[in-house]
Full PDB file with SEQRES, HELIX, SHEET, SSBOND, CRYST1, ORIGX, SCALE, CONECT and MASTER records, all heavy atoms in Angstrom:
SEQRES   1 A   32  ARG LEU VAL PRO GLY ARG HIS ARG THR THR LEU PRO GLU          
SEQRES   2 A   32  ILE GLU GLN PHE PHE VAL GLU GLU ALA PRO CYS SER GLU          
SEQRES   3 A   32  HIS ARG ARG MET VAL PHE                                      
HELIX    1 AA1 LEU A   11  GLU A   15  1                                   5    
HELIX    2 AA2 GLN A   16  GLU A   20  3                                   5    
HELIX    3 AA3 SER A   25  VAL A   31  1                                   7    
CRYST1    1.000    1.000    1.000  90.00  90.00  90.00 P 1           1          
ORIGX1      1.000000  0.000000  0.000000        0.00000                         
ORIGX2      0.000000  1.000000  0.000000        0.00000                         
ORIGX3      0.000000  0.000000  1.000000        0.00000                         
SCALE1      1.000000  0.000000  0.000000        0.00000                         
SCALE2      0.000000  1.000000  0.000000        0.00000                         
SCALE3      0.000000  0.000000  1.000000        0.00000                         
ATOM      1  N   ARG A   1      -3.377  13.716  -6.751  1.00  0.00           N  
ATOM      2  CA  ARG A   1      -3.178  12.259  -6.614  1.00  0.00           C  
ATOM      3  C   ARG A   1      -1.844  11.858  -7.123  1.00  0.00           C  
ATOM      4  O   ARG A   1      -1.260  12.490  -8.033  1.00  0.00           O  
ATOM      5  CB  ARG A   1      -4.271  11.506  -7.410  1.00  0.00           C  
ATOM      6  CG  ARG A   1      -5.690  11.826  -6.994  1.00  0.00           C  
ATOM      7  CD  ARG A   1      -6.681  11.062  -7.843  1.00  0.00           C  
ATOM      8  NE  ARG A   1      -6.519  11.390  -9.244  1.00  0.00           N  
ATOM      9  CZ  ARG A   1      -7.521  11.594 -10.108  1.00  0.00           C  
ATOM     10  NH1 ARG A   1      -8.773  11.464  -9.696  1.00  0.00           N  
ATOM     11  NH2 ARG A   1      -7.301  11.891 -11.375  1.00  0.00           N  
ATOM     12  N   LEU A   2      -1.288  10.766  -6.584  1.00  0.00           N  
ATOM     13  CA  LEU A   2      -0.028  10.254  -7.120  1.00  0.00           C  
ATOM     14  C   LEU A   2      -0.223   9.848  -8.567  1.00  0.00           C  
ATOM     15  O   LEU A   2      -1.255   9.277  -8.933  1.00  0.00           O  
ATOM     16  CB  LEU A   2       0.393   9.018  -6.319  1.00  0.00           C  
ATOM     17  CG  LEU A   2       0.961   9.275  -4.941  1.00  0.00           C  
ATOM     18  CD1 LEU A   2       0.960   8.005  -4.115  1.00  0.00           C  
ATOM     19  CD2 LEU A   2       2.336   9.869  -5.028  1.00  0.00           C  
ATOM     20  N   VAL A   3       0.770  10.125  -9.381  1.00  0.00           N  
ATOM     21  CA  VAL A   3       0.697   9.689 -10.798  1.00  0.00           C  
ATOM     22  C   VAL A   3       0.644   8.154 -10.772  1.00  0.00           C  
ATOM     23  O   VAL A   3       1.131   7.507  -9.825  1.00  0.00           O  
ATOM     24  CB  VAL A   3       1.871  10.204 -11.629  1.00  0.00           C  
ATOM     25  CG1 VAL A   3       1.859  11.730 -11.728  1.00  0.00           C  
ATOM     26  CG2 VAL A   3       3.196   9.716 -11.126  1.00  0.00           C  
ATOM     27  N   PRO A   4       0.072   7.535 -11.797  1.00  0.00           N  
ATOM     28  CA  PRO A   4      -0.103   6.083 -11.811  1.00  0.00           C  
ATOM     29  C   PRO A   4       1.198   5.338 -11.571  1.00  0.00           C  
ATOM     30  O   PRO A   4       2.286   5.761 -12.013  1.00  0.00           O  
ATOM     31  CB  PRO A   4      -0.673   5.799 -13.193  1.00  0.00           C  
ATOM     32  CG  PRO A   4      -1.413   7.031 -13.555  1.00  0.00           C  
ATOM     33  CD  PRO A   4      -0.570   8.162 -12.970  1.00  0.00           C  
ATOM     34  N   GLY A   5       1.084   4.228 -10.882  1.00  0.00           N  
ATOM     35  CA  GLY A   5       2.214   3.380 -10.581  1.00  0.00           C  
ATOM     36  C   GLY A   5       2.357   3.131  -9.105  1.00  0.00           C  
ATOM     37  O   GLY A   5       1.699   3.713  -8.273  1.00  0.00           O  
ATOM     38  N   ARG A   6       3.262   2.190  -8.799  1.00  0.00           N  
ATOM     39  CA  ARG A   6       3.579   1.875  -7.391  1.00  0.00           C  
ATOM     40  C   ARG A   6       4.865   2.597  -7.078  1.00  0.00           C  
ATOM     41  O   ARG A   6       5.883   2.377  -7.738  1.00  0.00           O  
ATOM     42  CB  ARG A   6       3.722   0.359  -7.257  1.00  0.00           C  
ATOM     43  CG  ARG A   6       3.924  -0.123  -5.836  1.00  0.00           C  
ATOM     44  CD  ARG A   6       3.761  -1.604  -5.639  1.00  0.00           C  
ATOM     45  NE  ARG A   6       4.558  -2.369  -6.569  1.00  0.00           N  
ATOM     46  CZ  ARG A   6       4.093  -3.351  -7.373  1.00  0.00           C  
ATOM     47  NH1 ARG A   6       2.819  -3.604  -7.424  1.00  0.00           N  
ATOM     48  NH2 ARG A   6       4.934  -4.001  -8.159  1.00  0.00           N  
ATOM     49  N   HIS A   7       4.844   3.435  -6.066  1.00  0.00           N  
ATOM     50  CA  HIS A   7       5.942   4.296  -5.728  1.00  0.00           C  
ATOM     51  C   HIS A   7       6.635   3.774  -4.432  1.00  0.00           C  
ATOM     52  O   HIS A   7       6.099   3.926  -3.343  1.00  0.00           O  
ATOM     53  CB  HIS A   7       5.470   5.747  -5.507  1.00  0.00           C  
ATOM     54  CG  HIS A   7       4.764   6.280  -6.694  1.00  0.00           C  
ATOM     55  ND1 HIS A   7       5.419   6.945  -7.706  1.00  0.00           N  
ATOM     56  CD2 HIS A   7       3.429   6.236  -7.044  1.00  0.00           C  
ATOM     57  CE1 HIS A   7       4.517   7.282  -8.644  1.00  0.00           C  
ATOM     58  NE2 HIS A   7       3.345   6.881  -8.249  1.00  0.00           N  
ATOM     59  N   ARG A   8       7.811   3.165  -4.606  1.00  0.00           N  
ATOM     60  CA  ARG A   8       8.544   2.629  -3.445  1.00  0.00           C  
ATOM     61  C   ARG A   8       9.105   3.799  -2.622  1.00  0.00           C  
ATOM     62  O   ARG A   8       9.705   4.751  -3.175  1.00  0.00           O  
ATOM     63  CB  ARG A   8       9.662   1.727  -3.953  1.00  0.00           C  
ATOM     64  CG  ARG A   8      10.261   0.916  -2.807  1.00  0.00           C  
ATOM     65  CD  ARG A   8      10.955  -0.278  -3.335  1.00  0.00           C  
ATOM     66  NE  ARG A   8      11.680  -0.932  -2.262  1.00  0.00           N  
ATOM     67  CZ  ARG A   8      12.495  -1.924  -2.446  1.00  0.00           C  
ATOM     68  NH1 ARG A   8      12.739  -2.384  -3.643  1.00  0.00           N  
ATOM     69  NH2 ARG A   8      13.123  -2.469  -1.418  1.00  0.00           N  
ATOM     70  N   THR A   9       8.922   3.707  -1.321  1.00  0.00           N  
ATOM     71  CA  THR A   9       9.283   4.780  -0.433  1.00  0.00           C  
ATOM     72  C   THR A   9       9.552   4.273   0.964  1.00  0.00           C  
ATOM     73  O   THR A   9       9.596   3.040   1.171  1.00  0.00           O  
ATOM     74  CB  THR A   9       8.177   5.872  -0.439  1.00  0.00           C  
ATOM     75  OG1 THR A   9       8.616   7.017   0.256  1.00  0.00           O  
ATOM     76  CG2 THR A   9       6.882   5.326   0.176  1.00  0.00           C  
ATOM     77  N   THR A  10       9.743   5.145   1.903  1.00  0.00           N  
ATOM     78  CA  THR A  10       9.974   4.784   3.295  1.00  0.00           C  
ATOM     79  C   THR A  10       8.962   5.548   4.160  1.00  0.00           C  
ATOM     80  O   THR A  10       8.389   6.541   3.734  1.00  0.00           O  
ATOM     81  CB  THR A  10      11.380   5.166   3.762  1.00  0.00           C  
ATOM     82  OG1 THR A  10      11.526   6.596   3.739  1.00  0.00           O  
ATOM     83  CG2 THR A  10      12.469   4.526   2.886  1.00  0.00           C  
ATOM     84  N   LEU A  11       8.824   5.071   5.391  1.00  0.00           N  
ATOM     85  CA  LEU A  11       7.916   5.747   6.298  1.00  0.00           C  
ATOM     86  C   LEU A  11       8.362   7.205   6.602  1.00  0.00           C  
ATOM     87  O   LEU A  11       7.533   8.099   6.601  1.00  0.00           O  
ATOM     88  CB  LEU A  11       7.750   4.955   7.608  1.00  0.00           C  
ATOM     89  CG  LEU A  11       6.974   3.638   7.428  1.00  0.00           C  
ATOM     90  CD1 LEU A  11       7.052   2.822   8.700  1.00  0.00           C  
ATOM     91  CD2 LEU A  11       5.546   3.909   7.028  1.00  0.00           C  
ATOM     92  N   PRO A  12       9.666   7.445   6.832  1.00  0.00           N  
ATOM     93  CA  PRO A  12      10.079   8.853   7.039  1.00  0.00           C  
ATOM     94  C   PRO A  12       9.792   9.760   5.818  1.00  0.00           C  
ATOM     95  O   PRO A  12       9.387  10.919   5.998  1.00  0.00           O  
ATOM     96  CB  PRO A  12      11.597   8.767   7.302  1.00  0.00           C  
ATOM     97  CG  PRO A  12      11.790   7.378   7.854  1.00  0.00           C  
ATOM     98  CD  PRO A  12      10.771   6.512   7.115  1.00  0.00           C  
ATOM     99  N   GLU A  13       9.926   9.216   4.609  1.00  0.00           N  
ATOM    100  CA  GLU A  13       9.587  10.008   3.435  1.00  0.00           C  
ATOM    101  C   GLU A  13       8.086  10.286   3.345  1.00  0.00           C  
ATOM    102  O   GLU A  13       7.666  11.416   3.001  1.00  0.00           O  
ATOM    103  CB  GLU A  13      10.052   9.278   2.157  1.00  0.00           C  
ATOM    104  CG  GLU A  13      11.543   9.245   2.012  1.00  0.00           C  
ATOM    105  CD  GLU A  13      12.070   8.339   0.924  1.00  0.00           C  
ATOM    106  OE1 GLU A  13      11.308   7.476   0.415  1.00  0.00           O  
ATOM    107  OE2 GLU A  13      13.215   8.481   0.552  1.00  0.00           O  
ATOM    108  N   ILE A  14       7.285   9.296   3.724  1.00  0.00           N  
ATOM    109  CA  ILE A  14       5.834   9.515   3.725  1.00  0.00           C  
ATOM    110  C   ILE A  14       5.495  10.582   4.759  1.00  0.00           C  
ATOM    111  O   ILE A  14       4.677  11.481   4.526  1.00  0.00           O  
ATOM    112  CB  ILE A  14       5.077   8.190   4.036  1.00  0.00           C  
ATOM    113  CG1 ILE A  14       5.232   7.219   2.878  1.00  0.00           C  
ATOM    114  CG2 ILE A  14       3.604   8.451   4.375  1.00  0.00           C  
ATOM    115  CD1 ILE A  14       4.702   5.813   3.157  1.00  0.00           C  
ATOM    116  N   GLU A  15       6.072  10.476   5.938  1.00  0.00           N  
ATOM    117  CA  GLU A  15       5.826  11.441   6.993  1.00  0.00           C  
ATOM    118  C   GLU A  15       6.152  12.880   6.527  1.00  0.00           C  
ATOM    119  O   GLU A  15       5.384  13.824   6.732  1.00  0.00           O  
ATOM    120  CB  GLU A  15       6.587  11.100   8.257  1.00  0.00           C  
ATOM    121  CG  GLU A  15       6.333  12.057   9.392  1.00  0.00           C  
ATOM    122  CD  GLU A  15       7.094  11.669  10.656  1.00  0.00           C  
ATOM    123  OE1 GLU A  15       8.121  10.923  10.557  1.00  0.00           O  
ATOM    124  OE2 GLU A  15       6.682  12.110  11.715  1.00  0.00           O  
ATOM    125  N   GLN A  16       7.295  13.017   5.897  1.00  0.00           N  
ATOM    126  CA  GLN A  16       7.716  14.352   5.443  1.00  0.00           C  
ATOM    127  C   GLN A  16       6.725  14.911   4.412  1.00  0.00           C  
ATOM    128  O   GLN A  16       6.272  16.028   4.533  1.00  0.00           O  
ATOM    129  CB  GLN A  16       9.133  14.271   4.845  1.00  0.00           C  
ATOM    130  CG  GLN A  16       9.655  15.617   4.359  1.00  0.00           C  
ATOM    131  CD  GLN A  16       9.844  16.610   5.487  1.00  0.00           C  
ATOM    132  OE1 GLN A  16      10.292  16.246   6.581  1.00  0.00           O  
ATOM    133  NE2 GLN A  16       9.479  17.866   5.249  1.00  0.00           N  
ATOM    134  N   PHE A  17       6.417  14.109   3.391  1.00  0.00           N  
ATOM    135  CA  PHE A  17       5.624  14.621   2.270  1.00  0.00           C  
ATOM    136  C   PHE A  17       4.131  14.651   2.557  1.00  0.00           C  
ATOM    137  O   PHE A  17       3.449  15.644   2.217  1.00  0.00           O  
ATOM    138  CB  PHE A  17       5.902  13.763   1.001  1.00  0.00           C  
ATOM    139  CG  PHE A  17       5.358  14.389  -0.243  1.00  0.00           C  
ATOM    140  CD1 PHE A  17       6.060  15.383  -0.909  1.00  0.00           C  
ATOM    141  CD2 PHE A  17       4.153  13.975  -0.784  1.00  0.00           C  
ATOM    142  CE1 PHE A  17       5.564  15.976  -2.073  1.00  0.00           C  
ATOM    143  CE2 PHE A  17       3.654  14.536  -1.955  1.00  0.00           C  
ATOM    144  CZ  PHE A  17       4.357  15.527  -2.616  1.00  0.00           C  
ATOM    145  N   PHE A  18       3.591  13.569   3.164  1.00  0.00           N  
ATOM    146  CA  PHE A  18       2.146  13.455   3.350  1.00  0.00           C  
ATOM    147  C   PHE A  18       1.650  13.884   4.711  1.00  0.00           C  
ATOM    148  O   PHE A  18       0.450  13.821   4.999  1.00  0.00           O  
ATOM    149  CB  PHE A  18       1.678  12.034   3.030  1.00  0.00           C  
ATOM    150  CG  PHE A  18       1.752  11.733   1.565  1.00  0.00           C  
ATOM    151  CD1 PHE A  18       2.762  10.941   1.053  1.00  0.00           C  
ATOM    152  CD2 PHE A  18       0.813  12.237   0.674  1.00  0.00           C  
ATOM    153  CE1 PHE A  18       2.860  10.668  -0.299  1.00  0.00           C  
ATOM    154  CE2 PHE A  18       0.919  11.969  -0.685  1.00  0.00           C  
ATOM    155  CZ  PHE A  18       1.913  11.192  -1.164  1.00  0.00           C  
ATOM    156  N   VAL A  19       2.568  14.333   5.590  1.00  0.00           N  
ATOM    157  CA  VAL A  19       2.178  14.878   6.876  1.00  0.00           C  
ATOM    158  C   VAL A  19       2.685  16.323   6.975  1.00  0.00           C  
ATOM    159  O   VAL A  19       1.928  17.287   7.003  1.00  0.00           O  
ATOM    160  CB  VAL A  19       2.652  14.042   8.068  1.00  0.00           C  
ATOM    161  CG1 VAL A  19       2.286  14.691   9.377  1.00  0.00           C  
ATOM    162  CG2 VAL A  19       2.053  12.643   7.992  1.00  0.00           C  
ATOM    163  N   GLU A  20       4.012  16.459   7.054  1.00  0.00           N  
ATOM    164  CA  GLU A  20       4.630  17.800   7.297  1.00  0.00           C  
ATOM    165  C   GLU A  20       4.327  18.788   6.209  1.00  0.00           C  
ATOM    166  O   GLU A  20       4.031  19.956   6.485  1.00  0.00           O  
ATOM    167  CB  GLU A  20       6.145  17.629   7.449  1.00  0.00           C  
ATOM    168  CG  GLU A  20       6.565  16.720   8.578  1.00  0.00           C  
ATOM    169  CD  GLU A  20       6.088  17.160   9.956  1.00  0.00           C  
ATOM    170  OE1 GLU A  20       5.994  18.387  10.176  1.00  0.00           O  
ATOM    171  OE2 GLU A  20       5.860  16.303  10.822  1.00  0.00           O  
ATOM    172  N   GLU A  21       4.405  18.362   4.938  1.00  0.00           N  
ATOM    173  CA  GLU A  21       4.253  19.298   3.829  1.00  0.00           C  
ATOM    174  C   GLU A  21       2.847  19.315   3.197  1.00  0.00           C  
ATOM    175  O   GLU A  21       2.618  20.154   2.324  1.00  0.00           O  
ATOM    176  CB  GLU A  21       5.297  18.957   2.747  1.00  0.00           C  
ATOM    177  CG  GLU A  21       6.735  19.068   3.244  1.00  0.00           C  
ATOM    178  CD  GLU A  21       7.754  18.557   2.230  1.00  0.00           C  
ATOM    179  OE1 GLU A  21       7.399  18.268   1.081  1.00  0.00           O  
ATOM    180  OE2 GLU A  21       8.938  18.469   2.617  1.00  0.00           O  
ATOM    181  N   ALA A  22       1.980  18.476   3.669  1.00  0.00           N  
ATOM    182  CA  ALA A  22       0.659  18.327   3.030  1.00  0.00           C  
ATOM    183  C   ALA A  22      -0.400  19.220   3.667  1.00  0.00           C  
ATOM    184  O   ALA A  22      -0.243  19.667   4.817  1.00  0.00           O  
ATOM    185  CB  ALA A  22       0.203  16.867   3.122  1.00  0.00           C  
ATOM    186  N   PRO A  23      -1.493  19.455   2.962  1.00  0.00           N  
ATOM    187  CA  PRO A  23      -2.626  20.195   3.550  1.00  0.00           C  
ATOM    188  C   PRO A  23      -3.162  19.405   4.761  1.00  0.00           C  
ATOM    189  O   PRO A  23      -3.046  18.192   4.811  1.00  0.00           O  
ATOM    190  CB  PRO A  23      -3.653  20.212   2.422  1.00  0.00           C  
ATOM    191  CG  PRO A  23      -2.930  19.880   1.184  1.00  0.00           C  
ATOM    192  CD  PRO A  23      -1.735  19.076   1.576  1.00  0.00           C  
ATOM    193  N   CYS A  24      -3.702  20.132   5.719  1.00  0.00           N  
ATOM    194  CA  CYS A  24      -4.328  19.516   6.931  1.00  0.00           C  
ATOM    195  C   CYS A  24      -3.313  18.722   7.722  1.00  0.00           C  
ATOM    196  O   CYS A  24      -3.589  17.639   8.229  1.00  0.00           O  
ATOM    197  CB  CYS A  24      -5.512  18.650   6.554  1.00  0.00           C  
ATOM    198  SG  CYS A  24      -6.728  19.421   5.457  1.00  0.00           S  
ATOM    199  N   SER A  25      -2.078  19.252   7.833  1.00  0.00           N  
ATOM    200  CA  SER A  25      -0.988  18.468   8.440  1.00  0.00           C  
ATOM    201  C   SER A  25      -1.266  18.103   9.892  1.00  0.00           C  
ATOM    202  O   SER A  25      -0.856  17.011  10.339  1.00  0.00           O  
ATOM    203  CB  SER A  25       0.321  19.214   8.324  1.00  0.00           C  
ATOM    204  OG  SER A  25       0.280  20.459   8.994  1.00  0.00           O  
ATOM    205  N   GLU A  26      -1.995  18.925  10.636  1.00  0.00           N  
ATOM    206  CA  GLU A  26      -2.278  18.590  12.019  1.00  0.00           C  
ATOM    207  C   GLU A  26      -3.113  17.315  12.101  1.00  0.00           C  
ATOM    208  O   GLU A  26      -2.829  16.423  12.891  1.00  0.00           O  
ATOM    209  CB  GLU A  26      -2.978  19.755  12.707  1.00  0.00           C  
ATOM    210  CG  GLU A  26      -2.907  19.743  14.196  1.00  0.00           C  
ATOM    211  CD  GLU A  26      -3.420  21.045  14.782  1.00  0.00           C  
ATOM    212  OE1 GLU A  26      -2.871  22.117  14.471  1.00  0.00           O  
ATOM    213  OE2 GLU A  26      -4.411  20.968  15.533  1.00  0.00           O  
ATOM    214  N   HIS A  27      -4.157  17.210  11.307  1.00  0.00           N  
ATOM    215  CA  HIS A  27      -4.977  16.024  11.284  1.00  0.00           C  
ATOM    216  C   HIS A  27      -4.200  14.844  10.722  1.00  0.00           C  
ATOM    217  O   HIS A  27      -4.286  13.730  11.260  1.00  0.00           O  
ATOM    218  CB  HIS A  27      -6.258  16.231  10.442  1.00  0.00           C  
ATOM    219  CG  HIS A  27      -7.130  15.038  10.391  1.00  0.00           C  
ATOM    220  ND1 HIS A  27      -7.954  14.649  11.433  1.00  0.00           N  
ATOM    221  CD2 HIS A  27      -7.272  14.087   9.421  1.00  0.00           C  
ATOM    222  CE1 HIS A  27      -8.550  13.520  11.089  1.00  0.00           C  
ATOM    223  NE2 HIS A  27      -8.172  13.156   9.899  1.00  0.00           N  
ATOM    224  N   ARG A  28      -3.420  15.084   9.718  1.00  0.00           N  
ATOM    225  CA  ARG A  28      -2.609  14.017   9.096  1.00  0.00           C  
ATOM    226  C   ARG A  28      -1.611  13.460  10.135  1.00  0.00           C  
ATOM    227  O   ARG A  28      -1.329  12.269  10.124  1.00  0.00           O  
ATOM    228  CB  ARG A  28      -1.868  14.521   7.895  1.00  0.00           C  
ATOM    229  CG  ARG A  28      -2.771  14.720   6.697  1.00  0.00           C  
ATOM    230  CD  ARG A  28      -2.003  15.447   5.556  1.00  0.00           C  
ATOM    231  NE  ARG A  28      -2.789  15.440   4.342  1.00  0.00           N  
ATOM    232  CZ  ARG A  28      -2.817  14.484   3.431  1.00  0.00           C  
ATOM    233  NH1 ARG A  28      -2.053  13.393   3.604  1.00  0.00           N  
ATOM    234  NH2 ARG A  28      -3.560  14.568   2.361  1.00  0.00           N  
ATOM    235  N   ARG A  29      -1.137  14.297  11.026  1.00  0.00           N  
ATOM    236  CA  ARG A  29      -0.195  13.846  12.070  1.00  0.00           C  
ATOM    237  C   ARG A  29      -0.883  12.778  12.932  1.00  0.00           C  
ATOM    238  O   ARG A  29      -0.300  11.744  13.277  1.00  0.00           O  
ATOM    239  CB  ARG A  29       0.252  15.024  12.912  1.00  0.00           C  
ATOM    240  CG  ARG A  29       0.948  14.688  14.222  1.00  0.00           C  
ATOM    241  CD  ARG A  29       2.303  13.992  14.121  1.00  0.00           C  
ATOM    242  NE  ARG A  29       3.185  14.682  13.221  1.00  0.00           N  
ATOM    243  CZ  ARG A  29       4.171  14.061  12.569  1.00  0.00           C  
ATOM    244  NH1 ARG A  29       4.365  12.753  12.719  1.00  0.00           N  
ATOM    245  NH2 ARG A  29       4.958  14.706  11.771  1.00  0.00           N  
ATOM    246  N   MET A  30      -2.141  13.016  13.311  1.00  0.00           N  
ATOM    247  CA  MET A  30      -2.895  12.063  14.130  1.00  0.00           C  
ATOM    248  C   MET A  30      -3.054  10.731  13.376  1.00  0.00           C  
ATOM    249  O   MET A  30      -2.826   9.668  13.936  1.00  0.00           O  
ATOM    250  CB  MET A  30      -4.259  12.636  14.507  1.00  0.00           C  
ATOM    251  CG  MET A  30      -5.091  11.704  15.380  1.00  0.00           C  
ATOM    252  SD  MET A  30      -6.678  12.425  15.874  1.00  0.00           S  
ATOM    253  CE  MET A  30      -7.439  12.659  14.276  1.00  0.00           C  
ATOM    254  N   VAL A  31      -3.429  10.803  12.099  1.00  0.00           N  
ATOM    255  CA  VAL A  31      -3.609   9.609  11.317  1.00  0.00           C  
ATOM    256  C   VAL A  31      -2.273   8.858  11.156  1.00  0.00           C  
ATOM    257  O   VAL A  31      -2.198   7.639  11.347  1.00  0.00           O  
ATOM    258  CB  VAL A  31      -4.195   9.946   9.910  1.00  0.00           C  
ATOM    259  CG1 VAL A  31      -4.218   8.711   8.991  1.00  0.00           C  
ATOM    260  CG2 VAL A  31      -5.596  10.528  10.045  1.00  0.00           C  
ATOM    261  N   PHE A  32      -1.193   9.601  10.913  1.00  0.00           N  
ATOM    262  CA  PHE A  32       0.093   8.969  10.727  1.00  0.00           C  
ATOM    263  C   PHE A  32       0.602   8.327  12.030  1.00  0.00           C  
ATOM    264  O   PHE A  32       1.226   7.286  11.979  1.00  0.00           O  
ATOM    265  CB  PHE A  32       1.130   9.973  10.193  1.00  0.00           C  
ATOM    266  CG  PHE A  32       2.453   9.359   9.854  1.00  0.00           C  
ATOM    267  CD1 PHE A  32       2.589   8.624   8.669  1.00  0.00           C  
ATOM    268  CD2 PHE A  32       3.522   9.466  10.708  1.00  0.00           C  
ATOM    269  CE1 PHE A  32       3.800   8.023   8.347  1.00  0.00           C  
ATOM    270  CE2 PHE A  32       4.758   8.868  10.388  1.00  0.00           C  
ATOM    271  CZ  PHE A  32       4.869   8.114   9.202  1.00  0.00           C  
TER     272      PHE A  32                                                      
MASTER        0    0    0    3    0    0    0    6  271    1    0    3          
END                                                                             
């Protein structure tokens, strides 16, 4: 889980970290 706090970011950064580099990336791609 993300450490506590609000983490300012961008959609491309989310895509890289939470889709491309994350577990279950194929399913995450559909959600993203």
